[in-house]
Amino acid sequence: MVCPKCGTEIREGHLYCESCGYEIQIVPEFEPELEDSLHAAMQGMVQSVAVTGEEKLEEPPVPLKKKEKREIDVLIPLAHPANEMRKKGKRKKVIAALCMGVLIIASFSGFLWYQYSPDFQIEKAMTATKERKYEEAVFHLERALELSQGNEEVMYLLGEAYARAGKEEMAVDLLMDLIEENPENIEAYKKLISIYELEKRHEKIHNLVASIGEGNIKEELIDYLSHPPQFSIEEGSYKEELSLKLTSEQEGSIYYTMDGGKATENSMKYESPIPIKEGIHVISAIFVSEKGIVSKSVEKTYKVELAIPLPPVVTPASGIYAKPVYIKADTEEEGEIYYTLDGTEPTKESKRYLGPIPMPLGASKVKFSVITKYGKASKATEANYHLNVAALVSPETAVLAIKNMLIAKGEILDYAGHTTDLSGVYEYGCNLAVSEGARNYYIIEERYNGTETGKTYAVDMMSGELFAAVYNRIGKFEFTIFY
């Protein structure tokens, strides 16, 4: 069959032209033999009825006398049984043909009725949907809706077909009409939500459910609400690093970004507090419910400018000293003080200041810096000292005396500091001097394979007496005679 409007070939079973949309009117095919048979059968019935009627209209017969009746009985022969059987057979054939014709007409009429019924149109729409012919499905469902005079179930099916055919707004309008007609129509809400889900229009879902008044409908759809995550810290400028927590009262997952991009379901999943270090950070976060509904994204900006601490105050002042003194460093800043005795810049790898330290022997350049927990260092405070103390024992002699004692005790093998099993080497240096009461001491520090062991010894500058020295918590040395 071809379209009478544009001439395009129309596939069998289609009720419209796929090219121009022209609707095809189906006319049953004419069958002459069937028509003649039905016509003859119907004419026979009409004649039979007419004859019967005429017989009824004739005048009633005049009663015969007994003698006349006997003469007639003699003259009219009895009907032959074979003739009666033939007449009955003909009547049966006529009745059978008539019934067959009526049955054929009824069947064909039923077929035509079904073809133009809502059920037939729905069936065609379902077939088209399976074949992904969504426009065709829409056509049949629109016909079904017309034929069913606005049946609600057909409207649901048509809404889904609109969505699959890319006519989302038409689907939404159709379902919104149902909701406006009946605000308690939970099925219409669910169908509308399913369409929004196909389009990932999660904000629409949230707004739709949020707009429903309190009641059973909202309770049934409450899981479709998806609230944005909550931030534990308000956005703004800070002088310290932050630890940001993201939370939600609903069951689901939180996703976030830190580079200014909008968070999606493919972003980093929140599992622990987010460290916000120095700089400007734009945090975007979303919440995804267990039903997969995505909340609005929330963006907050944090500016972290870490303060640089002020330099520590160091005493005594730079100068020349003839008696050992302790060097002190103080700060009111939050952080730790680190120092060097060789003039290099202090770092977190340098010695940490725990209390007053002995002034180095000879000329020295000491530096102190405050370093915060974020690694921000103050400008170094520098002091230059020259300590020249009168003594009868030289620093070299003091070191040699300590080595002699350790060799005698079997702790080292020789003056080079080798261990008895030759597995390593101990080194001893004398760079510091302290004064306790009326006595001055050399402080000798021990290292093993280049690393400080924490052991210190002391030698009296005047008598050469040996001591084990321990640096106590108040920044002073305690001495014990070393045997």
Protein backbone atom coordinates (compact mmCIF):
# COMPACT_ATOMS: atom_id res chain seq x y z
CA MET A 1 0.00 0.00 0.00
CA VAL A 2 1.23 3.51 -0.76
CA CYS A 3 0.35 6.78 0.92
CA PRO A 4 -2.30 8.64 -1.13
CA LYS A 5 -0.78 11.93 0.01
CA CYS A 6 2.99 11.56 -0.60
CA GLY A 7 3.29 8.19 -2.35
CA THR A 8 5.58 6.59 0.26
CA GLU A 9 5.30 2.81 0.70
CA ILE A 10 3.40 2.00 3.92
CA ARG A 11 4.40 -1.13 5.83
CA GLU A 12 1.75 -3.72 6.56
CA GLY A 13 -0.17 -3.12 9.78
CA HIS A 14 0.68 0.62 10.00
CA LEU A 15 -2.18 3.09 10.35
CA TYR A 16 -0.23 6.19 9.38
CA CYS A 17 2.46 7.28 6.92
CA GLU A 18 5.90 7.38 8.57
CA SER A 19 7.00 10.01 6.04
CA CYS A 20 4.23 12.63 6.18
CA GLY A 21 2.05 11.35 9.07
CA TYR A 22 -1.09 10.95 6.92
CA GLU A 23 -3.66 8.69 8.63
CA ILE A 24 -4.74 5.64 6.60
CA GLN A 25 -8.40 4.62 6.61
CA ILE A 26 -8.73 0.82 6.38
CA VAL A 27 -11.59 -0.43 4.15
CA PRO A 28 -12.41 -4.16 4.31
CA GLU A 29 -11.61 -6.03 1.09
CA PHE A 30 -14.70 -6.78 -1.07
CA GLU A 31 -15.46 -10.49 -1.65
CA PRO A 32 -18.15 -11.01 -4.39
CA GLU A 33 -18.86 -14.68 -3.63
CA LEU A 34 -19.37 -14.05 0.06
CA GLU A 35 -21.52 -11.02 -0.76
CA ASP A 36 -23.74 -13.05 -3.17
CA SER A 37 -24.12 -15.86 -0.67
CA LEU A 38 -25.11 -13.51 2.12
CA HIS A 39 -27.45 -11.60 -0.20
CA ALA A 40 -29.21 -14.79 -1.30
CA ALA A 41 -29.53 -16.04 2.24
CA MET A 42 -30.95 -12.78 3.48
CA GLN A 43 -33.34 -12.56 0.49
CA GLY A 44 -34.60 -16.07 1.21
CA MET A 45 -35.33 -15.13 4.79
CA VAL A 46 -37.19 -12.04 3.67
CA GLN A 47 -39.31 -13.98 1.14
CA SER A 48 -40.10 -16.65 3.71
CA VAL A 49 -41.27 -14.02 6.12
CA ALA A 50 -43.29 -12.33 3.32
CA VAL A 51 -45.03 -15.56 2.27
CA THR A 52 -45.92 -16.37 5.82
CA GLY A 53 -47.38 -12.92 6.18
CA GLU A 54 -49.46 -13.24 3.00
CA GLU A 55 -50.86 -16.55 4.11
CA LYS A 56 -51.97 -14.96 7.30
CA LEU A 57 -53.70 -12.17 5.38
CA GLU A 58 -55.85 -14.56 3.22
CA GLU A 59 -59.54 -15.00 4.14
CA PRO A 60 -60.19 -17.90 6.47
CA PRO A 61 -61.43 -21.04 4.68
CA VAL A 62 -65.17 -21.82 4.64
CA PRO A 63 -65.94 -24.93 6.64
CA LEU A 64 -66.70 -27.91 4.40
CA LYS A 65 -69.48 -30.26 4.74
CA LYS A 66 -68.66 -33.79 5.75
CA LYS A 67 -69.43 -35.17 2.29
CA GLU A 68 -67.26 -32.54 0.54
CA LYS A 69 -64.46 -33.19 2.98
CA ARG A 70 -64.51 -36.88 2.24
CA GLU A 71 -64.39 -36.18 -1.52
CA ILE A 72 -61.39 -33.91 -1.12
CA ASP A 73 -59.62 -36.46 1.01
CA VAL A 74 -60.12 -38.97 -1.75
CA LEU A 75 -58.95 -36.61 -4.50
CA ILE A 76 -55.76 -35.26 -2.70
CA PRO A 77 -53.09 -37.89 -2.35
CA LEU A 78 -51.00 -38.07 0.83
CA ALA A 79 -47.58 -36.27 0.82
CA HIS A 80 -44.68 -38.55 -0.06
CA PRO A 81 -42.11 -38.94 2.81
CA ALA A 82 -39.13 -38.45 0.45
CA ASN A 83 -40.44 -35.08 -0.68
CA GLU A 84 -40.79 -33.97 2.91
CA MET A 85 -37.16 -34.94 3.67
CA ARG A 86 -35.86 -32.97 0.69
CA LYS A 87 -37.73 -29.88 1.81
CA LYS A 88 -36.35 -30.18 5.32
CA GLY A 89 -32.81 -30.59 3.95
CA LYS A 90 -33.11 -27.43 1.88
CA ARG A 91 -34.33 -25.49 4.88
CA LYS A 92 -31.38 -26.70 6.97
CA LYS A 93 -28.90 -25.65 4.29
CA VAL A 94 -30.45 -22.21 4.04
CA ILE A 95 -30.37 -21.82 7.82
CA ALA A 96 -26.75 -23.03 7.98
CA ALA A 97 -25.69 -20.63 5.23
CA LEU A 98 -27.50 -17.83 6.96
CA CYS A 99 -25.82 -18.62 10.28
CA MET A 100 -22.42 -18.83 8.61
CA GLY A 101 -22.96 -15.46 6.99
CA VAL A 102 -24.03 -13.90 10.24
CA LEU A 103 -20.99 -15.43 11.95
CA ILE A 104 -18.63 -14.09 9.28
CA ILE A 105 -20.18 -10.64 9.46
CA ALA A 106 -19.98 -10.68 13.25
CA SER A 107 -16.35 -11.84 13.20
CA PHE A 108 -15.32 -9.21 10.68
CA SER A 109 -17.21 -6.54 12.59
CA GLY A 110 -15.51 -7.70 15.80
CA PHE A 111 -12.11 -7.48 14.12
CA LEU A 112 -12.84 -3.97 12.91
CA TRP A 113 -14.11 -3.02 16.37
CA TYR A 114 -10.98 -4.44 18.08
CA GLN A 115 -8.68 -2.73 15.58
CA TYR A 116 -10.14 0.61 16.59
CA SER A 117 -10.32 -0.22 20.31
CA PRO A 118 -7.99 1.14 23.06
CA ASP A 119 -6.68 -2.38 23.76
CA PHE A 120 -5.56 -2.84 20.15
CA GLN A 121 -3.81 0.54 20.14
CA ILE A 122 -2.08 -0.27 23.45
CA GLU A 123 -0.94 -3.63 22.08
CA LYS A 124 0.52 -1.93 19.01
CA ALA A 125 2.22 0.63 21.26
CA MET A 126 3.80 -2.09 23.39
CA THR A 127 5.15 -3.82 20.29
CA ALA A 128 6.56 -0.54 18.98
CA THR A 129 8.20 0.14 22.35
CA LYS A 130 9.92 -3.25 22.34
CA GLU A 131 11.26 -2.41 18.89
CA ARG A 132 12.34 1.03 20.21
CA LYS A 133 9.99 2.79 17.81
CA TYR A 134 8.98 5.34 20.39
CA GLU A 135 7.33 7.83 18.03
CA GLU A 136 5.08 5.05 16.76
CA ALA A 137 4.29 4.05 20.35
CA VAL A 138 3.29 7.65 21.09
CA PHE A 139 0.98 7.66 18.04
CA HIS A 140 -0.88 4.51 19.14
CA LEU A 141 -1.17 5.60 22.77
CA GLU A 142 -2.55 8.99 21.76
CA ARG A 143 -5.20 7.11 19.72
CA ALA A 144 -5.85 4.84 22.70
CA LEU A 145 -6.30 7.88 24.93
CA GLU A 146 -8.85 9.33 22.50
CA LEU A 147 -10.73 6.04 22.25
CA SER A 148 -10.69 5.47 26.02
CA GLN A 149 -11.83 9.02 26.73
CA GLY A 150 -8.91 9.92 29.01
CA ASN A 151 -8.30 6.60 30.78
CA GLU A 152 -5.78 7.15 33.61
CA GLU A 153 -3.75 3.99 32.94
CA VAL A 154 -3.39 4.99 29.29
CA MET A 155 -2.17 8.40 30.43
CA TYR A 156 0.57 6.75 32.51
CA LEU A 157 1.68 4.70 29.51
CA LEU A 158 1.60 7.75 27.26
CA GLY A 159 3.71 9.71 29.75
CA GLU A 160 6.40 7.01 29.67
CA ALA A 161 6.25 6.91 25.86
CA TYR A 162 6.68 10.68 25.66
CA ALA A 163 9.76 10.43 27.87
CA ARG A 164 11.30 7.66 25.77
CA ALA A 165 10.59 9.61 22.60
CA GLY A 166 12.47 12.62 23.96
CA LYS A 167 9.30 14.60 24.65
CA GLU A 168 9.97 14.98 28.37
CA GLU A 169 8.07 18.22 28.78
CA MET A 170 4.93 16.68 27.27
CA ALA A 171 5.28 13.75 29.67
CA VAL A 172 5.70 16.09 32.63
CA ASP A 173 2.71 18.22 31.60
CA LEU A 174 0.53 15.12 31.23
CA LEU A 175 1.40 13.78 34.68
CA MET A 176 1.18 17.20 36.32
CA ASP A 177 -2.37 17.47 34.97
CA LEU A 178 -3.19 14.20 36.72
CA ILE A 179 -1.66 15.46 39.97
CA GLU A 180 -3.56 18.75 39.77
CA GLU A 181 -6.80 16.83 39.24
CA ASN A 182 -6.03 14.56 42.19
CA PRO A 183 -3.27 15.68 44.60
CA GLU A 184 -3.50 12.26 46.31
CA ASN A 185 -2.57 10.41 43.11
CA ILE A 186 0.54 8.63 44.38
CA GLU A 187 0.94 6.69 41.12
CA ALA A 188 1.19 9.93 39.12
CA TYR A 189 3.89 11.19 41.50
CA LYS A 190 5.87 7.97 41.11
CA LYS A 191 5.62 8.04 37.31
CA LEU A 192 6.74 11.67 37.25
CA ILE A 193 9.67 10.89 39.55
CA SER A 194 10.72 7.99 37.30
CA ILE A 195 10.81 10.37 34.31
CA TYR A 196 12.93 12.86 36.26
CA GLU A 197 15.25 10.00 37.24
CA LEU A 198 15.76 9.04 33.59
CA GLU A 199 16.85 12.61 32.91
CA LYS A 200 18.87 12.83 36.17
CA ARG A 201 16.88 15.92 37.11
CA HIS A 202 17.38 15.25 40.81
CA GLU A 203 16.70 18.82 41.86
CA LYS A 204 13.26 18.55 40.24
CA ILE A 205 12.57 15.38 42.25
CA HIS A 206 13.60 17.06 45.48
CA ASN A 207 11.49 20.16 44.77
CA LEU A 208 8.49 18.04 43.75
CA VAL A 209 8.50 16.01 46.97
CA ALA A 210 9.30 19.07 49.08
CA SER A 211 6.22 20.83 47.65
CA ILE A 212 3.87 18.09 48.87
CA GLY A 213 1.96 18.92 52.02
CA GLU A 214 2.40 16.81 55.13
CA GLY A 215 0.54 13.51 54.94
CA ASN A 216 0.68 9.94 53.68
CA ILE A 217 1.85 10.92 50.19
CA LYS A 218 4.89 12.77 51.50
CA GLU A 219 5.72 10.00 53.97
CA GLU A 220 5.70 7.45 51.15
CA LEU A 221 7.99 9.61 49.00
CA ILE A 222 10.21 10.97 51.78
CA ASP A 223 13.19 8.89 50.59
CA TYR A 224 13.25 10.93 47.39
CA LEU A 225 14.22 14.04 49.34
CA SER A 226 17.96 14.61 49.22
CA HIS A 227 19.31 17.43 51.38
CA PRO A 228 22.76 18.97 50.73
CA PRO A 229 25.56 17.97 53.13
CA GLN A 230 26.39 20.16 56.12
CA PHE A 231 29.81 21.82 56.56
CA SER A 232 31.35 21.85 60.04
CA ILE A 233 33.18 25.16 59.42
CA GLU A 234 31.75 28.34 57.95
CA GLU A 235 33.52 29.70 54.90
CA GLY A 236 35.89 32.62 55.39
CA SER A 237 39.52 33.56 56.09
CA TYR A 238 41.59 31.74 58.69
CA LYS A 239 45.09 32.01 60.14
CA GLU A 240 45.49 28.30 60.71
CA GLU A 241 44.94 25.06 58.84
CA LEU A 242 41.47 23.56 59.10
CA SER A 243 39.95 20.11 59.41
CA LEU A 244 36.58 20.21 57.62
CA LYS A 245 33.84 17.66 58.31
CA LEU A 246 30.92 16.99 55.95
CA THR A 247 27.82 15.36 57.43
CA SER A 248 24.25 14.38 56.55
CA GLU A 249 21.32 13.16 58.63
CA GLN A 250 20.19 10.89 55.77
CA GLU A 251 21.49 7.51 54.68
CA GLY A 252 23.69 7.82 51.63
CA SER A 253 27.08 9.10 50.45
CA ILE A 254 28.80 12.49 50.17
CA TYR A 255 31.06 13.45 47.26
CA TYR A 256 33.26 16.54 47.04
CA THR A 257 35.88 18.47 45.08
CA MET A 258 38.58 20.90 46.23
CA ASP A 259 39.62 22.44 42.91
CA GLY A 260 36.62 24.68 42.33
CA GLY A 261 34.86 22.18 40.07
CA LYS A 262 31.27 21.16 40.76
CA ALA A 263 30.95 17.91 42.69
CA THR A 264 29.37 14.91 40.95
CA GLU A 265 28.86 11.24 41.73
CA ASN A 266 32.30 10.63 40.18
CA SER A 267 34.08 13.03 42.54
CA MET A 268 36.03 12.02 45.65
CA LYS A 269 33.90 10.18 48.19
CA TYR A 270 33.95 11.73 51.65
CA GLU A 271 35.23 9.29 54.26
CA SER A 272 37.22 11.38 56.76
CA PRO A 273 37.77 15.07 57.67
CA ILE A 274 39.25 17.14 54.84
CA PRO A 275 42.52 18.94 55.67
CA ILE A 276 42.51 22.51 54.36
CA LYS A 277 46.03 23.87 54.18
CA GLU A 278 47.39 27.28 53.27
CA GLY A 279 45.85 28.85 50.20
CA ILE A 280 42.38 29.41 48.74
CA HIS A 281 40.16 26.35 48.50
CA VAL A 282 36.67 26.13 46.99
CA ILE A 283 34.93 23.03 48.36
CA SER A 284 31.93 21.71 46.42
CA ALA A 285 29.89 18.86 47.90
CA ILE A 286 26.75 16.87 47.11
CA PHE A 287 24.75 14.20 48.91
CA VAL A 288 23.49 11.08 47.09
CA SER A 289 20.69 9.19 48.81
CA GLU A 290 20.35 5.41 48.82
CA LYS A 291 17.77 5.80 46.03
CA GLY A 292 20.41 7.59 43.95
CA ILE A 293 18.81 11.03 44.28
CA VAL A 294 21.48 13.74 44.10
CA SER A 295 21.10 16.86 46.22
CA LYS A 296 21.92 20.40 45.22
CA SER A 297 25.63 21.10 45.32
CA VAL A 298 26.97 23.35 48.07
CA GLU A 299 30.09 25.46 47.53
CA LYS A 300 32.09 27.15 50.28
CA THR A 301 35.36 29.07 49.96
CA TYR A 302 38.12 28.93 52.55
CA LYS A 303 41.15 31.21 52.58
CA VAL A 304 43.96 30.07 54.85
CA GLU A 305 46.82 32.52 55.42
CA LEU A 306 49.26 31.06 57.90
CA ALA A 307 50.89 33.64 60.13
CA ILE A 308 54.66 33.89 60.20
CA PRO A 309 55.77 33.91 63.85
CA LEU A 310 57.92 36.64 65.32
CA PRO A 311 61.60 35.83 66.02
CA PRO A 312 62.47 34.63 69.53
CA VAL A 313 64.24 36.84 72.06
CA VAL A 314 67.77 35.55 72.82
CA THR A 315 69.90 36.36 75.88
CA PRO A 316 72.66 37.19 76.67
CA ALA A 317 73.53 39.68 73.97
CA SER A 318 76.37 39.13 71.56
CA GLY A 319 79.81 39.78 73.06
CA ILE A 320 83.05 38.46 74.60
CA TYR A 321 82.72 36.37 77.74
CA ALA A 322 85.39 35.11 80.19
CA LYS A 323 83.07 32.87 82.16
CA PRO A 324 80.68 30.20 80.84
CA VAL A 325 77.06 31.35 80.68
CA TYR A 326 73.78 29.78 79.52
CA ILE A 327 72.05 31.07 76.39
CA LYS A 328 68.26 31.46 76.65
CA ALA A 329 65.57 31.91 73.97
CA ASP A 330 61.96 32.96 74.64
CA THR A 331 58.84 33.39 72.49
CA GLU A 332 55.12 34.03 72.91
CA GLU A 333 54.32 32.58 69.51
CA GLU A 334 52.67 29.19 69.01
CA GLY A 335 55.44 26.92 67.87
CA GLU A 336 58.73 25.34 68.82
CA ILE A 337 62.18 26.96 68.95
CA TYR A 338 64.99 25.32 66.99
CA TYR A 339 68.64 26.40 67.00
CA THR A 340 72.07 25.90 65.46
CA LEU A 341 75.54 26.62 66.84
CA ASP A 342 77.37 26.80 63.51
CA GLY A 343 75.60 29.79 61.97
CA THR A 344 73.28 27.82 59.64
CA GLU A 345 69.53 28.53 59.40
CA PRO A 346 67.49 26.48 61.88
CA THR A 347 64.95 23.98 60.50
CA LYS A 348 62.81 21.25 62.00
CA GLU A 349 65.81 18.98 61.51
CA SER A 350 67.91 21.15 63.83
CA LYS A 351 68.11 20.76 67.60
CA ARG A 352 64.91 21.65 69.42
CA TYR A 353 65.34 24.17 72.20
CA LEU A 354 64.25 22.63 75.51
CA GLY A 355 65.89 25.06 77.89
CA PRO A 356 69.02 27.16 78.42
CA ILE A 357 72.06 25.82 76.52
CA PRO A 358 75.76 26.22 77.38
CA MET A 359 77.65 28.86 75.44
CA PRO A 360 80.11 27.30 72.95
CA LEU A 361 83.83 27.62 73.57
CA GLY A 362 85.72 30.12 71.47
CA ALA A 363 84.03 32.12 68.71
CA SER A 364 80.50 31.04 67.78
CA LYS A 365 77.47 32.21 65.83
CA VAL A 366 74.18 30.85 67.17
CA LYS A 367 70.76 31.17 65.52
CA PHE A 368 67.27 30.58 66.92
CA SER A 369 63.95 30.36 65.01
CA VAL A 370 60.33 29.72 65.95
CA ILE A 371 58.71 27.12 63.68
CA THR A 372 54.95 26.56 63.86
CA LYS A 373 53.21 23.21 63.53
CA TYR A 374 52.40 24.20 59.94
CA GLY A 375 56.10 24.62 59.13
CA LYS A 376 56.10 28.42 59.08
CA ALA A 377 59.46 29.68 60.41
CA SER A 378 60.24 33.05 61.91
CA LYS A 379 63.21 35.10 60.93
CA ALA A 380 66.24 33.73 62.81
CA THR A 381 67.59 35.59 65.80
CA GLU A 382 71.37 35.61 65.59
CA ALA A 383 73.93 36.09 68.39
CA ASN A 384 77.74 36.14 68.16
CA TYR A 385 79.75 35.07 71.16
CA HIS A 386 83.41 34.67 72.05
CA LEU A 387 83.98 32.58 75.18
CA ASN A 388 87.56 32.48 76.48
CA VAL A 389 87.77 30.88 79.96
CA ALA A 390 90.99 30.57 81.98
CA ALA A 391 91.72 26.87 82.62
CA LEU A 392 94.55 24.55 83.67
CA VAL A 393 93.13 21.70 81.55
CA SER A 394 92.73 22.11 77.81
CA PRO A 395 89.68 20.78 75.91
CA GLU A 396 91.85 18.18 74.14
CA THR A 397 93.21 16.90 77.47
CA ALA A 398 89.67 16.67 78.83
CA VAL A 399 88.56 14.49 75.87
CA LEU A 400 91.63 12.24 76.25
CA ALA A 401 90.88 11.75 79.95
CA ILE A 402 87.31 10.59 79.15
CA LYS A 403 88.60 8.13 76.53
CA ASN A 404 91.11 6.69 79.01
CA MET A 405 88.33 6.04 81.49
CA LEU A 406 86.08 4.39 78.85
CA ILE A 407 88.93 2.15 77.64
CA ALA A 408 89.61 1.13 81.22
CA LYS A 409 85.91 0.30 81.68
CA GLY A 410 85.94 -1.74 78.44
CA GLU A 411 83.34 0.43 76.71
CA ILE A 412 85.65 1.34 73.82
CA LEU A 413 88.63 -0.49 72.36
CA ASP A 414 91.06 2.36 71.64
CA TYR A 415 91.51 6.14 71.38
CA ALA A 416 89.96 6.06 67.92
CA GLY A 417 86.74 5.06 69.68
CA HIS A 418 86.25 1.60 68.13
CA THR A 419 83.81 -0.67 69.88
CA THR A 420 85.18 -3.88 71.33
CA ASP A 421 83.50 -5.91 68.55
CA LEU A 422 84.64 -3.39 65.89
CA SER A 423 81.03 -2.86 64.80
CA GLY A 424 81.19 0.93 65.10
CA VAL A 425 83.07 4.02 66.24
CA TYR A 426 82.39 6.41 69.11
CA GLU A 427 83.36 10.07 68.80
CA TYR A 428 83.80 12.63 71.57
CA GLY A 429 83.78 16.39 71.14
CA CYS A 430 84.33 19.26 73.56
CA ASN A 431 82.62 22.43 72.34
CA LEU A 432 80.72 23.69 75.38
CA ALA A 433 81.51 24.98 78.83
CA VAL A 434 79.28 25.59 81.84
CA SER A 435 79.69 27.15 85.22
CA GLU A 436 78.12 25.65 88.33
CA GLY A 437 78.88 27.48 91.55
CA ALA A 438 82.58 28.25 91.71
CA ARG A 439 83.59 25.53 89.27
CA ASN A 440 83.81 25.60 85.49
CA TYR A 441 83.38 22.44 83.40
CA TYR A 442 84.01 21.29 79.89
CA ILE A 443 80.97 19.48 78.42
CA ILE A 444 81.92 16.48 76.25
CA GLU A 445 79.22 14.99 73.97
CA GLU A 446 79.24 11.42 72.65
CA ARG A 447 78.31 10.30 69.12
CA TYR A 448 78.08 6.80 67.70
CA ASN A 449 78.70 6.48 63.97
CA GLY A 450 77.92 10.19 63.64
CA THR A 451 74.69 10.20 65.67
CA GLU A 452 74.32 11.72 69.12
CA THR A 453 73.79 9.08 71.79
CA GLY A 454 72.53 11.53 74.42
CA LYS A 455 75.41 10.74 76.77
CA THR A 456 77.48 13.66 78.05
CA TYR A 457 80.50 13.88 80.28
CA ALA A 458 82.08 16.78 82.18
CA VAL A 459 85.68 17.61 83.14
CA ASP A 460 86.63 20.21 85.72
CA MET A 461 88.67 22.89 83.91
CA MET A 462 91.02 23.37 86.84
CA SER A 463 91.34 19.93 88.52
CA GLY A 464 90.66 17.63 85.57
CA GLU A 465 88.16 15.62 87.65
CA LEU A 466 85.76 13.48 85.55
CA PHE A 467 81.96 13.45 85.81
CA ALA A 468 78.95 11.93 84.13
CA ALA A 469 76.69 14.85 83.21
CA VAL A 470 72.89 14.82 82.81
CA TYR A 471 70.89 17.74 81.41
CA ASN A 472 67.83 18.11 83.65
CA ARG A 473 64.34 19.46 82.94
CA ILE A 474 65.06 22.96 84.20
CA GLY A 475 67.92 23.49 81.76
CA LYS A 476 70.81 22.69 84.08
CA PHE A 477 73.45 19.97 84.20
CA GLU A 478 73.72 17.58 87.09
CA PHE A 479 77.13 16.00 87.70
CA THR A 480 78.04 12.59 89.08
CA ILE A 481 81.67 11.56 89.67
CA PHE A 482 82.75 9.21 86.89
CA TYR A 483 84.82 6.24 88.16
